[in-house]
Protein backbone atom coordinates (compact mmCIF):
# COMPACT_ATOMS: atom_id res chain seq x y z
CA MET A 1 -114.11 44.45 -101.52
CA ARG A 2 -113.20 42.29 -98.53
CA ILE A 3 -110.40 44.48 -97.14
CA ALA A 4 -110.15 48.26 -97.45
CA VAL A 5 -108.63 51.33 -95.83
CA LEU A 6 -110.73 54.26 -97.01
CA GLU A 7 -110.94 58.04 -96.70
CA SER A 8 -114.67 58.01 -97.46
CA PRO A 9 -117.47 57.15 -95.01
CA LEU A 10 -117.88 53.43 -94.34
CA ASP A 11 -120.89 51.46 -95.55
CA LEU A 12 -121.85 48.19 -93.85
CA GLY A 13 -123.55 46.80 -96.98
CA PRO A 14 -120.45 45.98 -99.05
CA VAL A 15 -118.68 44.52 -96.01
CA VAL A 16 -121.59 42.15 -95.35
CA GLY A 17 -121.82 41.39 -99.07
CA ALA A 18 -118.20 40.23 -99.05
CA VAL A 19 -118.88 37.49 -96.47
CA VAL A 20 -122.39 36.13 -96.91
CA GLY A 21 -122.93 32.83 -98.67
CA ILE A 22 -125.38 29.95 -98.90
CA ASP A 23 -123.33 27.81 -96.51
CA ARG A 24 -122.95 30.53 -93.88
CA GLY A 25 -125.94 30.70 -91.55
CA GLY A 26 -124.42 33.05 -88.96
CA LEU A 27 -123.55 36.66 -89.70
CA VAL A 28 -122.06 39.02 -87.10
CA THR A 29 -121.01 42.63 -87.65
CA PHE A 30 -119.12 45.13 -85.56
CA THR A 31 -119.08 48.87 -86.17
CA GLY A 32 -116.71 51.02 -84.15
CA LEU A 33 -117.99 54.59 -83.79
CA VAL A 34 -116.19 57.75 -82.74
CA ARG A 35 -117.38 58.56 -79.22
CA ARG A 36 -117.39 61.86 -77.37
CA LYS A 37 -115.38 60.63 -74.38
CA GLY A 38 -112.11 58.80 -74.94
CA ARG A 39 -108.79 59.35 -73.23
CA ILE A 40 -109.69 63.00 -73.64
CA PRO A 41 -113.04 63.78 -71.97
CA ASP A 42 -114.33 66.14 -74.67
CA VAL A 43 -113.48 64.58 -78.05
CA VAL A 44 -114.75 66.50 -81.09
CA ARG A 45 -113.04 64.39 -83.74
CA LEU A 46 -110.50 61.65 -84.35
CA GLU A 47 -107.75 61.70 -86.91
CA TYR A 48 -106.67 58.32 -88.25
CA GLU A 49 -103.46 57.82 -90.17
CA ALA A 50 -102.29 54.60 -91.76
CA TYR A 51 -99.53 53.15 -93.81
CA ARG A 52 -102.28 52.15 -96.23
CA THR A 53 -100.54 49.46 -98.28
CA MET A 54 -99.18 47.74 -95.20
CA ALA A 55 -102.44 48.20 -93.26
CA GLU A 56 -104.45 46.51 -96.02
CA LYS A 57 -101.91 43.68 -96.15
CA VAL A 58 -102.10 43.18 -92.37
CA LEU A 59 -105.92 43.26 -92.41
CA GLU A 60 -105.91 40.66 -95.18
CA GLN A 61 -103.49 38.47 -93.19
CA ILE A 62 -105.78 38.73 -90.16
CA ALA A 63 -108.86 37.77 -92.20
CA ASP A 64 -107.00 34.88 -93.85
CA GLU A 65 -105.75 33.57 -90.48
CA ILE A 66 -109.22 33.57 -88.99
CA GLU A 67 -110.68 31.87 -92.04
CA ARG A 68 -108.05 29.12 -91.74
CA GLU A 69 -108.74 28.74 -88.01
CA ILE A 70 -112.55 28.65 -88.31
CA GLY A 71 -113.75 26.29 -91.01
CA GLY A 72 -116.25 27.87 -93.39
CA ALA A 73 -115.79 31.39 -91.99
CA ARG A 74 -115.41 34.47 -94.13
CA VAL A 75 -114.17 37.83 -92.75
CA ALA A 76 -114.20 41.36 -94.19
CA ILE A 77 -112.71 44.50 -92.64
CA HIS A 78 -112.98 48.14 -93.71
CA HIS A 79 -111.21 50.88 -91.75
CA ARG A 80 -111.50 54.61 -92.18
CA VAL A 81 -108.64 57.13 -92.23
CA GLY A 82 -108.69 60.92 -92.12
CA SER A 83 -110.73 63.19 -89.88
CA LEU A 84 -113.86 61.65 -88.33
CA ALA A 85 -116.50 63.46 -86.28
CA VAL A 86 -118.17 62.05 -83.20
CA GLY A 87 -120.71 59.44 -84.31
CA GLU A 88 -118.96 58.46 -87.55
CA ALA A 89 -117.89 54.86 -88.20
CA ALA A 90 -114.15 54.26 -87.88
CA VAL A 91 -114.16 50.50 -88.55
CA VAL A 92 -116.60 47.92 -89.83
CA VAL A 93 -116.04 44.17 -89.51
CA ALA A 94 -118.29 41.42 -90.82
CA ALA A 95 -117.87 37.71 -90.20
CA ALA A 96 -120.03 34.92 -91.52
CA ALA A 97 -119.74 31.24 -90.68
CA PRO A 98 -121.83 28.09 -90.85
CA HIS A 99 -123.11 28.69 -87.29
CA ARG A 100 -123.53 31.74 -85.01
CA ALA A 101 -120.89 30.75 -82.46
CA GLU A 102 -118.17 30.64 -85.10
CA ALA A 103 -119.38 33.93 -86.62
CA PHE A 104 -119.17 35.67 -83.22
CA THR A 105 -115.72 34.19 -82.58
CA ALA A 106 -114.45 35.27 -86.00
CA CYS A 107 -115.77 38.82 -85.66
CA ARG A 108 -114.28 39.26 -82.19
CA ALA A 109 -110.94 37.84 -83.29
CA ALA A 110 -110.82 40.21 -86.26
CA ILE A 111 -111.32 43.39 -84.26
CA ASP A 112 -109.01 42.24 -81.46
CA ARG A 113 -106.19 41.35 -83.86
CA LEU A 114 -106.67 44.56 -85.84
CA LYS A 115 -106.20 46.59 -82.66
CA GLN A 116 -102.97 44.72 -81.89
CA ARG A 117 -101.36 44.59 -85.31
CA ALA A 118 -102.66 47.04 -87.91
CA PRO A 119 -100.39 50.02 -88.73
CA ILE A 120 -103.19 52.51 -88.13
CA TRP A 121 -102.75 55.42 -85.73
CA LYS A 122 -105.41 57.44 -83.93
CA LYS A 123 -105.27 60.97 -82.56
CA GLU A 124 -108.05 62.31 -80.36
CA ILE A 125 -108.79 66.00 -80.83
CA GLY A 126 -110.80 67.56 -78.03
CA GLU A 127 -111.86 70.90 -76.68
CA SER A 128 -109.21 70.54 -73.98
CA GLY A 129 -106.34 69.33 -76.17
CA ALA A 130 -105.15 66.48 -78.35
CA ALA A 131 -103.40 63.15 -77.82
CA TRP A 132 -102.12 60.28 -79.92
CA ILE A 133 -103.60 57.02 -78.65
CA GLU A 134 -100.97 54.31 -78.23
CA ASP A 135 -103.18 51.22 -78.23
CA CYS A 136 -105.23 52.36 -81.18
CA CYS A 137 -107.92 50.92 -83.30
């Protein structure tokens, strides 16, 4: 599965498996983890909500765009929704390309575009309160 929005914990293996190939010598991954300090200084969990059908469509568009822009690249993105504790993976991106430079560029572009365009919303829940994060994911 190249693109997914899931309620279950994320696994890097299938994401990498969706992009590797005999003509792709560079592989770069990014895993975004829930951290203790965000906009709220004492985060205990994050709650992600998504318009799942649209989010998967947007993630697929992002991956397709990058693959068109970077010859030979392949991109996969999995994002988690629901309640996530500190330390859990919220997003996993894998990009493979013929060479390392293109793989790094593709991976960075995927996470940057996801943050700008995906209909996924994040709420920080902390000991001192809660807040929706405007520039999510």
